[in-house]
PDB file of N, CA and C in Angstrom:
ATOM      1  N   MET A   1      42.880  29.625  10.824  1.00  0.00           N
ATOM      2  CA  MET A   1      43.068  28.275  11.708  1.00  0.00           C
ATOM      3  C   MET A   1      43.089  28.928  13.410  1.00  0.00           C
ATOM      4  N   ILE A   2      42.528  28.102  14.106  1.00  0.00           N
ATOM      5  CA  ILE A   2      42.213  28.488  15.445  1.00  0.00           C
ATOM      6  C   ILE A   2      43.151  27.469  16.296  1.00  0.00           C
ATOM      7  N   THR A   3      43.993  28.013  17.191  1.00  0.00           N
ATOM      8  CA  THR A   3      44.817  26.929  18.069  1.00  0.00           C
ATOM      9  C   THR A   3      44.601  27.339  19.189  1.00  0.00           C
ATOM     10  N   THR A   4      44.349  26.264  20.206  1.00  0.00           N
ATOM     11  CA  THR A   4      44.653  26.591  21.694  1.00  0.00           C
ATOM     12  C   THR A   4      45.465  25.690  22.371  1.00  0.00           C
ATOM     13  N   GLN A   5      45.909  26.188  23.471  1.00  0.00           N
ATOM     14  CA  GLN A   5      47.063  25.276  24.184  1.00  0.00           C
ATOM     15  C   GLN A   5      46.370  24.388  25.138  1.00  0.00           C
ATOM     16  N   LEU A   6      46.990  23.216  25.291  1.00  0.00           N
ATOM     17  CA  LEU A   6      46.455  22.116  25.858  1.00  0.00           C
ATOM     18  C   LEU A   6      46.631  22.443  27.469  1.00  0.00           C
ATOM     19  N   GLU A   7      45.707  22.112  28.453  1.00  0.00           N
ATOM     20  CA  GLU A   7      46.135  22.319  29.851  1.00  0.00           C
ATOM     21  C   GLU A   7      47.160  21.535  30.246  1.00  0.00           C
ATOM     22  N   SER A   8      47.219  20.078  29.696  1.00  0.00           N
ATOM     23  CA  SER A   8      48.340  18.920  29.990  1.00  0.00           C
ATOM     24  C   SER A   8      48.166  17.848  28.954  1.00  0.00           C
ATOM     25  N   GLU A   9      49.230  17.235  29.097  1.00  0.00           N
ATOM     26  CA  GLU A   9      49.474  16.003  28.040  1.00  0.00           C
ATOM     27  C   GLU A   9      48.600  14.991  28.539  1.00  0.00           C
ATOM     28  N   ASP A  10      48.065  15.049  29.846  1.00  0.00           N
ATOM     29  CA  ASP A  10      47.319  14.032  30.392  1.00  0.00           C
ATOM     30  C   ASP A  10      45.830  14.073  29.580  1.00  0.00           C
ATOM     31  N   ASP A  11      45.273  15.122  29.090  1.00  0.00           N
ATOM     32  CA  ASP A  11      44.253  15.388  28.293  1.00  0.00           C
ATOM     33  C   ASP A  11      44.034  14.327  27.048  1.00  0.00           C
ATOM     34  N   PHE A  12      45.225  13.575  26.513  1.00  0.00           N
ATOM     35  CA  PHE A  12      45.201  12.658  25.511  1.00  0.00           C
ATOM     36  C   PHE A  12      45.511  11.397  25.850  1.00  0.00           C
ATOM     37  N   LEU A  13      45.663  11.173  27.322  1.00  0.00           N
ATOM     38  CA  LEU A  13      46.234   9.779  27.605  1.00  0.00           C
ATOM     39  C   LEU A  13      45.259   8.595  27.508  1.00  0.00           C
ATOM     40  N   TRP A  14      43.894   9.081  27.277  1.00  0.00           N
ATOM     41  CA  TRP A  14      42.734   7.988  27.098  1.00  0.00           C
ATOM     42  C   TRP A  14      43.175   7.434  25.794  1.00  0.00           C
ATOM     43  N   ARG A  15      43.709   7.914  24.740  1.00  0.00           N
ATOM     44  CA  ARG A  15      44.070   7.348  23.483  1.00  0.00           C
ATOM     45  C   ARG A  15      44.924   6.186  23.442  1.00  0.00           C
ATOM     46  N   ILE A  16      45.648   6.012  24.701  1.00  0.00           N
ATOM     47  CA  ILE A  16      46.835   4.888  24.844  1.00  0.00           C
ATOM     48  C   ILE A  16      46.193   4.096  26.108  1.00  0.00           C
ATOM     49  N   GLY A  17      44.845   4.342  26.502  1.00  0.00           N
ATOM     50  CA  GLY A  17      44.328   3.448  27.472  1.00  0.00           C
ATOM     51  C   GLY A  17      44.583   3.904  28.939  1.00  0.00           C
ATOM     52  N   ILE A  18      45.079   5.326  29.213  1.00  0.00           N
ATOM     53  CA  ILE A  18      45.140   5.708  30.527  1.00  0.00           C
ATOM     54  C   ILE A  18      43.860   6.654  30.855  1.00  0.00           C
ATOM     55  N   TYR A  19      43.404   6.391  31.859  1.00  0.00           N
ATOM     56  CA  TYR A  19      42.151   7.318  32.245  1.00  0.00           C
ATOM     57  C   TYR A  19      42.657   8.236  33.335  1.00  0.00           C
ATOM     58  N   VAL A  20      42.605   9.491  33.209  1.00  0.00           N
ATOM     59  CA  VAL A  20      43.089  10.383  34.284  1.00  0.00           C
ATOM     60  C   VAL A  20      41.777  11.245  34.718  1.00  0.00           C
ATOM     61  N   PHE A  21      41.712  11.356  36.048  1.00  0.00           N
ATOM     62  CA  PHE A  21      40.856  11.933  36.800  1.00  0.00           C
ATOM     63  C   PHE A  21      41.528  13.177  37.666  1.00  0.00           C
ATOM     64  N   LYS A  22      41.102  14.392  37.409  1.00  0.00           N
ATOM     65  CA  LYS A  22      41.781  15.349  38.322  1.00  0.00           C
ATOM     66  C   LYS A  22      40.537  16.193  39.018  1.00  0.00           C
ATOM     67  N   ASN A  23      40.624  16.026  40.268  1.00  0.00           N
ATOM     68  CA  ASN A  23      39.833  16.807  41.071  1.00  0.00           C
ATOM     69  C   ASN A  23      38.394  16.634  40.595  1.00  0.00           C
ATOM     70  N   GLU A  24      37.823  15.441  40.310  1.00  0.00           N
ATOM     71  CA  GLU A  24      36.589  15.242  40.011  1.00  0.00           C
ATOM     72  C   GLU A  24      35.821  14.693  40.936  1.00  0.00           C
ATOM     73  N   SER A  25      34.523  14.952  40.933  1.00  0.00           N
ATOM     74  CA  SER A  25      33.524  14.005  41.929  1.00  0.00           C
ATOM     75  C   SER A  25      33.392  12.678  41.368  1.00  0.00           C
ATOM     76  N   LEU A  26      33.323  11.887  42.421  1.00  0.00           N
ATOM     77  CA  LEU A  26      33.167  10.402  42.236  1.00  0.00           C
ATOM     78  C   LEU A  26      31.983  10.130  41.377  1.00  0.00           C
ATOM     79  N   VAL A  27      31.005  10.836  41.446  1.00  0.00           N
ATOM     80  CA  VAL A  27      29.986  10.641  40.541  1.00  0.00           C
ATOM     81  C   VAL A  27      30.389  10.967  39.048  1.00  0.00           C
ATOM     82  N   ASP A  28      30.974  11.872  38.837  1.00  0.00           N
ATOM     83  CA  ASP A  28      31.459  12.222  37.519  1.00  0.00           C
ATOM     84  C   ASP A  28      32.294  11.076  37.202  1.00  0.00           C
ATOM     85  N   VAL A  29      33.255  10.594  37.721  1.00  0.00           N
ATOM     86  CA  VAL A  29      34.024   9.419  37.477  1.00  0.00           C
ATOM     87  C   VAL A  29      33.419   8.348  37.188  1.00  0.00           C
ATOM     88  N   PHE A  30      32.477   8.032  38.133  1.00  0.00           N
ATOM     89  CA  PHE A  30      31.495   6.739  37.710  1.00  0.00           C
ATOM     90  C   PHE A  30      30.762   7.056  36.402  1.00  0.00           C
ATOM     91  N   LYS A  31      30.248   8.099  36.006  1.00  0.00           N
ATOM     92  CA  LYS A  31      29.741   8.303  34.710  1.00  0.00           C
ATOM     93  C   LYS A  31      30.684   8.105  33.604  1.00  0.00           C
ATOM     94  N   LYS A  32      32.111   8.424  33.879  1.00  0.00           N
ATOM     95  CA  LYS A  32      33.016   8.174  32.693  1.00  0.00           C
ATOM     96  C   LYS A  32      33.290   6.719  32.716  1.00  0.00           C
ATOM     97  N   LEU A  33      33.473   6.011  33.937  1.00  0.00           N
ATOM     98  CA  LEU A  33      33.868   4.666  33.846  1.00  0.00           C
ATOM     99  C   LEU A  33      32.483   3.745  33.090  1.00  0.00           C
ATOM    100  N   GLU A  34      31.495   4.273  33.425  1.00  0.00           N
ATOM    101  CA  GLU A  34      30.166   3.595  32.650  1.00  0.00           C
ATOM    102  C   GLU A  34      30.459   3.688  31.140  1.00  0.00           C
ATOM    103  N   GLN A  35      30.944   4.707  30.691  1.00  0.00           N
ATOM    104  CA  GLN A  35      31.324   4.781  29.153  1.00  0.00           C
ATOM    105  C   GLN A  35      32.447   3.878  28.614  1.00  0.00           C
ATOM    106  N   TYR A  36      33.576   4.102  29.474  1.00  0.00           N
ATOM    107  CA  TYR A  36      34.634   3.345  29.140  1.00  0.00           C
ATOM    108  C   TYR A  36      34.519   1.806  29.202  1.00  0.00           C
ATOM    109  N   TYR A  37      33.773   1.328  30.239  1.00  0.00           N
ATOM    110  CA  TYR A  37      33.498  -0.062  30.434  1.00  0.00           C
ATOM    111  C   TYR A  37      32.216  -0.837  30.018  1.00  0.00           C
ATOM    112  N   GLN A  38      31.441   0.142  29.441  1.00  0.00           N
ATOM    113  CA  GLN A  38      29.957  -0.275  29.085  1.00  0.00           C
ATOM    114  C   GLN A  38      29.241  -1.136  30.256  1.00  0.00           C
ATOM    115  N   VAL A  39      29.101  -0.359  31.407  1.00  0.00           N
ATOM    116  CA  VAL A  39      28.667  -1.017  32.561  1.00  0.00           C
ATOM    117  C   VAL A  39      27.796   0.102  33.258  1.00  0.00           C
ATOM    118  N   GLN A  40      26.752  -0.100  33.950  1.00  0.00           N
ATOM    119  CA  GLN A  40      25.956   0.785  34.568  1.00  0.00           C
ATOM    120  C   GLN A  40      26.446   0.841  36.009  1.00  0.00           C
ATOM    121  N   ILE A  41      26.583   2.017  36.508  1.00  0.00           N
ATOM    122  CA  ILE A  41      26.922   2.122  37.965  1.00  0.00           C
ATOM    123  C   ILE A  41      25.800   3.024  38.658  1.00  0.00           C
ATOM    124  N   GLN A  42      25.179   2.320  39.406  1.00  0.00           N
ATOM    125  CA  GLN A  42      24.092   2.979  40.413  1.00  0.00           C
ATOM    126  C   GLN A  42      24.836   3.442  41.899  1.00  0.00           C
ATOM    127  N   VAL A  43      24.588   4.718  41.998  1.00  0.00           N
ATOM    128  CA  VAL A  43      25.090   5.297  43.265  1.00  0.00           C
ATOM    129  C   VAL A  43      23.922   5.390  44.243  1.00  0.00           C
ATOM    130  N   LYS A  44      23.894   4.537  45.127  1.00  0.00           N
ATOM    131  CA  LYS A  44      22.778   4.510  46.281  1.00  0.00           C
ATOM    132  C   LYS A  44      23.292   5.141  47.358  1.00  0.00           C
ATOM    133  N   ASN A  45      24.605   5.567  47.622  1.00  0.00           N
ATOM    134  CA  ASN A  45      25.176   6.071  48.769  1.00  0.00           C
ATOM    135  C   ASN A  45      25.464   7.683  48.370  1.00  0.00           C
ATOM    136  N   LYS A  46      24.481   8.552  48.961  1.00  0.00           N
ATOM    137  CA  LYS A  46      24.449   9.861  48.840  1.00  0.00           C
ATOM    138  C   LYS A  46      25.690  10.511  49.184  1.00  0.00           C
ATOM    139  N   GLN A  47      26.678  10.208  50.154  1.00  0.00           N
ATOM    140  CA  GLN A  47      27.726  10.756  50.748  1.00  0.00           C
ATOM    141  C   GLN A  47      28.894  10.644  49.522  1.00  0.00           C
ATOM    142  N   VAL A  48      28.655   9.721  48.982  1.00  0.00           N
ATOM    143  CA  VAL A  48      29.816   9.672  47.809  1.00  0.00           C
ATOM    144  C   VAL A  48      29.869  10.738  46.821  1.00  0.00           C
ATOM    145  N   ALA A  49      28.760  11.420  46.532  1.00  0.00           N
ATOM    146  CA  ALA A  49      28.831  12.659  45.838  1.00  0.00           C
ATOM    147  C   ALA A  49      29.797  13.864  46.208  1.00  0.00           C
ATOM    148  N   SER A  50      30.054  13.898  47.614  1.00  0.00           N
ATOM    149  CA  SER A  50      30.752  14.869  47.885  1.00  0.00           C
ATOM    150  C   SER A  50      32.265  14.474  47.896  1.00  0.00           C
ATOM    151  N   HIS A  51      32.549  13.350  47.509  1.00  0.00           N
ATOM    152  CA  HIS A  51      34.023  12.896  47.457  1.00  0.00           C
ATOM    153  C   HIS A  51      34.596  13.403  46.183  1.00  0.00           C
ATOM    154  N   MET A  52      35.867  13.741  46.156  1.00  0.00           N
ATOM    155  CA  MET A  52      36.444  14.013  44.944  1.00  0.00           C
ATOM    156  C   MET A  52      37.702  13.040  44.779  1.00  0.00           C
ATOM    157  N   CYS A  53      37.871  12.963  43.377  1.00  0.00           N
ATOM    158  CA  CYS A  53      39.010  11.921  42.983  1.00  0.00           C
ATOM    159  C   CYS A  53      39.987  12.667  42.134  1.00  0.00           C
ATOM    160  N   THR A  54      41.216  12.288  42.372  1.00  0.00           N
ATOM    161  CA  THR A  54      42.327  12.468  41.431  1.00  0.00           C
ATOM    162  C   THR A  54      43.405  11.400  41.231  1.00  0.00           C
ATOM    163  N   GLY A  55      43.559  10.798  40.089  1.00  0.00           N
ATOM    164  CA  GLY A  55      44.328   9.656  39.862  1.00  0.00           C
ATOM    165  C   GLY A  55      44.325   9.064  38.373  1.00  0.00           C
ATOM    166  N   LYS A  56      45.187   8.333  38.070  1.00  0.00           N
ATOM    167  CA  LYS A  56      45.276   7.901  36.824  1.00  0.00           C
ATOM    168  C   LYS A  56      45.209   6.285  36.909  1.00  0.00           C
ATOM    169  N   PHE A  57      44.477   5.570  35.863  1.00  0.00           N
ATOM    170  CA  PHE A  57      44.235   4.364  35.978  1.00  0.00           C
ATOM    171  C   PHE A  57      44.567   3.730  34.489  1.00  0.00           C
ATOM    172  N   SER A  58      45.130   2.518  34.417  1.00  0.00           N
ATOM    173  CA  SER A  58      45.233   1.923  32.969  1.00  0.00           C
ATOM    174  C   SER A  58      44.101   1.193  32.736  1.00  0.00           C
ATOM    175  N   GLN A  59      43.594   1.397  31.436  1.00  0.00           N
ATOM    176  CA  GLN A  59      42.409   0.481  30.986  1.00  0.00           C
ATOM    177  C   GLN A  59      42.593  -1.050  31.148  1.00  0.00           C
ATOM    178  N   LYS A  60      43.651  -1.457  31.095  1.00  0.00           N
ATOM    179  CA  LYS A  60      44.163  -2.896  31.414  1.00  0.00           C
ATOM    180  C   LYS A  60      43.772  -3.287  32.734  1.00  0.00           C
ATOM    181  N   GLU A  61      43.905  -2.540  33.526  1.00  0.00           N
ATOM    182  CA  GLU A  61      43.459  -3.032  35.157  1.00  0.00           C
ATOM    183  C   GLU A  61      41.950  -3.279  35.261  1.00  0.00           C
ATOM    184  N   GLY A  62      41.253  -2.768  34.530  1.00  0.00           N
ATOM    185  CA  GLY A  62      39.829  -3.149  34.576  1.00  0.00           C
ATOM    186  C   GLY A  62      39.104  -2.486  35.487  1.00  0.00           C
ATOM    187  N   ILE A  63      37.676  -2.506  35.399  1.00  0.00           N
ATOM    188  CA  ILE A  63      36.831  -1.718  36.200  1.00  0.00           C
ATOM    189  C   ILE A  63      36.542  -2.161  37.534  1.00  0.00           C
ATOM    190  N   GLU A  64      36.858  -3.607  37.860  1.00  0.00           N
ATOM    191  CA  GLU A  64      36.834  -4.079  39.392  1.00  0.00           C
ATOM    192  C   GLU A  64      37.977  -3.448  39.940  1.00  0.00           C
ATOM    193  N   HIS A  65      39.197  -3.412  39.420  1.00  0.00           N
ATOM    194  CA  HIS A  65      40.414  -2.822  40.066  1.00  0.00           C
ATOM    195  C   HIS A  65      40.158  -1.494  40.412  1.00  0.00           C
ATOM    196  N   ILE A  66      39.794  -0.521  39.382  1.00  0.00           N
ATOM    197  CA  ILE A  66      39.359   0.885  39.764  1.00  0.00           C
ATOM    198  C   ILE A  66      38.595   0.970  40.749  1.00  0.00           C
ATOM    199  N   ILE A  67      37.269   0.379  40.782  1.00  0.00           N
ATOM    200  CA  ILE A  67      36.294   0.490  42.036  1.00  0.00           C
ATOM    201  C   ILE A  67      36.888   0.045  43.283  1.00  0.00           C
ATOM    202  N   LYS A  68      37.660  -0.858  43.296  1.00  0.00           N
ATOM    203  CA  LYS A  68      38.003  -1.352  44.545  1.00  0.00           C
ATOM    204  C   LYS A  68      39.270  -0.075  45.161  1.00  0.00           C
ATOM    205  N   VAL A  69      40.051   0.304  44.165  1.00  0.00           N
ATOM    206  CA  VAL A  69      40.936   1.474  44.621  1.00  0.00           C
ATOM    207  C   VAL A  69      39.978   2.838  44.963  1.00  0.00           C
ATOM    208  N   LEU A  70      39.091   3.091  44.339  1.00  0.00           N
ATOM    209  CA  LEU A  70      38.192   4.119  44.851  1.00  0.00           C
ATOM    210  C   LEU A  70      37.422   3.787  46.049  1.00  0.00           C
ATOM    211  N   GLN A  71      37.101   2.464  46.279  1.00  0.00           N
ATOM    212  CA  GLN A  71      36.420   2.167  47.375  1.00  0.00           C
ATOM    213  C   GLN A  71      37.327   2.346  48.707  1.00  0.00           C
ATOM    214  N   LYS A  72      38.712   2.266  48.442  1.00  0.00           N
ATOM    215  CA  LYS A  72      39.510   2.147  49.588  1.00  0.00           C
ATOM    216  C   LYS A  72      39.905   3.505  49.821  1.00  0.00           C
ATOM    217  N   ALA A  73      39.780   4.603  48.923  1.00  0.00           N
ATOM    218  CA  ALA A  73      40.208   5.923  49.320  1.00  0.00           C
ATOM    219  C   ALA A  73      39.003   6.569  49.720  1.00  0.00           C
ATOM    220  N   SER A  74      37.697   6.138  49.565  1.00  0.00           N
ATOM    221  CA  SER A  74      36.441   6.976  49.766  1.00  0.00           C
ATOM    222  C   SER A  74      35.542   6.294  50.717  1.00  0.00           C
ATOM    223  N   GLY A  75      35.910   5.004  51.021  1.00  0.00           N
ATOM    224  CA  GLY A  75      35.173   4.230  52.041  1.00  0.00           C
ATOM    225  C   GLY A  75      33.834   3.677  51.706  1.00  0.00           C
ATOM    226  N   PHE A  76      33.230   3.479  50.570  1.00  0.00           N
ATOM    227  CA  PHE A  76      32.150   3.089  50.249  1.00  0.00           C
ATOM    228  C   PHE A  76      31.945   1.532  49.953  1.00  0.00           C
ATOM    229  N   GLN A  77      30.922   0.959  49.863  1.00  0.00           N
ATOM    230  CA  GLN A  77      30.742  -0.426  49.654  1.00  0.00           C
ATOM    231  C   GLN A  77      30.262  -0.478  48.305  1.00  0.00           C
ATOM    232  N   TYR A  78      30.469  -1.722  47.827  1.00  0.00           N
ATOM    233  CA  TYR A  78      29.832  -1.816  46.303  1.00  0.00           C
ATOM    234  C   TYR A  78      29.323  -3.338  46.198  1.00  0.00           C
ATOM    235  N   LYS A  79      28.457  -3.734  45.307  1.00  0.00           N
ATOM    236  CA  LYS A  79      28.246  -4.714  44.883  1.00  0.00           C
ATOM    237  C   LYS A  79      28.173  -4.990  43.455  1.00  0.00           C
ATOM    238  N   ARG A  80      28.422  -6.132  42.744  1.00  0.00           N
ATOM    239  CA  ARG A  80      28.476  -6.229  41.189  1.00  0.00           C
ATOM    240  C   ARG A  80      27.515  -7.173  40.886  1.00  0.00           C
ATOM    241  N   ASP A  81      26.460  -6.979  39.951  1.00  0.00           N
ATOM    242  CA  ASP A  81      25.711  -7.881  39.328  1.00  0.00           C
ATOM    243  C   ASP A  81      26.278  -8.166  37.788  1.00  0.00           C
ATOM    244  N   GLU A  82      26.898  -9.171  37.702  1.00  0.00           N
ATOM    245  CA  GLU A  82      27.729  -9.525  36.497  1.00  0.00           C
ATOM    246  C   GLU A  82      26.593  -9.854  35.402  1.00  0.00           C
ATOM    247  N   GLU A  83      25.573 -10.549  35.719  1.00  0.00           N
ATOM    248  CA  GLU A  83      24.582 -10.918  34.808  1.00  0.00           C
ATOM    249  C   GLU A  83      24.023  -9.724  33.978  1.00  0.00           C
ATOM    250  N   ARG A  84      23.421  -8.448  35.113  1.00  0.00           N
ATOM    251  CA  ARG A  84      22.816  -7.508  34.510  1.00  0.00           C
ATOM    252  C   ARG A  84      23.790  -6.297  34.252  1.00  0.00           C
ATOM    253  N   ASN A  85      25.284  -6.493  34.407  1.00  0.00           N
ATOM    254  CA  ASN A  85      26.238  -5.679  34.246  1.00  0.00           C
ATOM    255  C   ASN A  85      26.107  -4.349  34.893  1.00  0.00           C
ATOM    256  N   ILE A  86      25.797  -4.579  36.023  1.00  0.00           N
ATOM    257  CA  ILE A  86      25.357  -3.245  37.001  1.00  0.00           C
ATOM    258  C   ILE A  86      26.205  -3.284  38.410  1.00  0.00           C
ATOM    259  N   ILE A  87      26.951  -2.155  38.571  1.00  0.00           N
ATOM    260  CA  ILE A  87      27.613  -1.930  39.962  1.00  0.00           C
ATOM    261  C   ILE A  87      27.033  -0.943  40.663  1.00  0.00           C
ATOM    262  N   THR A  88      26.632  -1.550  41.922  1.00  0.00           N
ATOM    263  CA  THR A  88      25.803  -0.319  42.885  1.00  0.00           C
ATOM    264  C   THR A  88      26.724  -0.229  44.018  1.00  0.00           C
ATOM    265  N   ILE A  89      26.705   1.138  44.092  1.00  0.00           N
ATOM    266  CA  ILE A  89      27.587   1.721  45.227  1.00  0.00           C
ATOM    267  C   ILE A  89      26.651   2.040  46.442  1.00  0.00           C
ATOM    268  N   LEU A  90      27.053   1.390  47.385  1.00  0.00           N
ATOM    269  CA  LEU A  90      26.430   1.257  48.678  1.00  0.00           C
ATOM    270  C   LEU A  90      26.796   2.297  49.910  1.00  0.00           C
TER     271      LEU A  90
END
């Protein structure tokens, strides 16, 4: 049997609906959010790629809340096309 030590208990919080990001690029965070919320996120603002993110979000808060928090921290603009289920980072 092979055993490994976990970095942190945060690694399993997704099982109870808590998303944890530790010093990850916003681009990587957006990729994960796409999977979690079945939405497409298009990044048009290339400066966003250099921003890093650390934080915890509850799944219940929803994608809109998470994007607004990230927007406030990183200073980007966004628009949401609900018909096509696309969020564009401007």
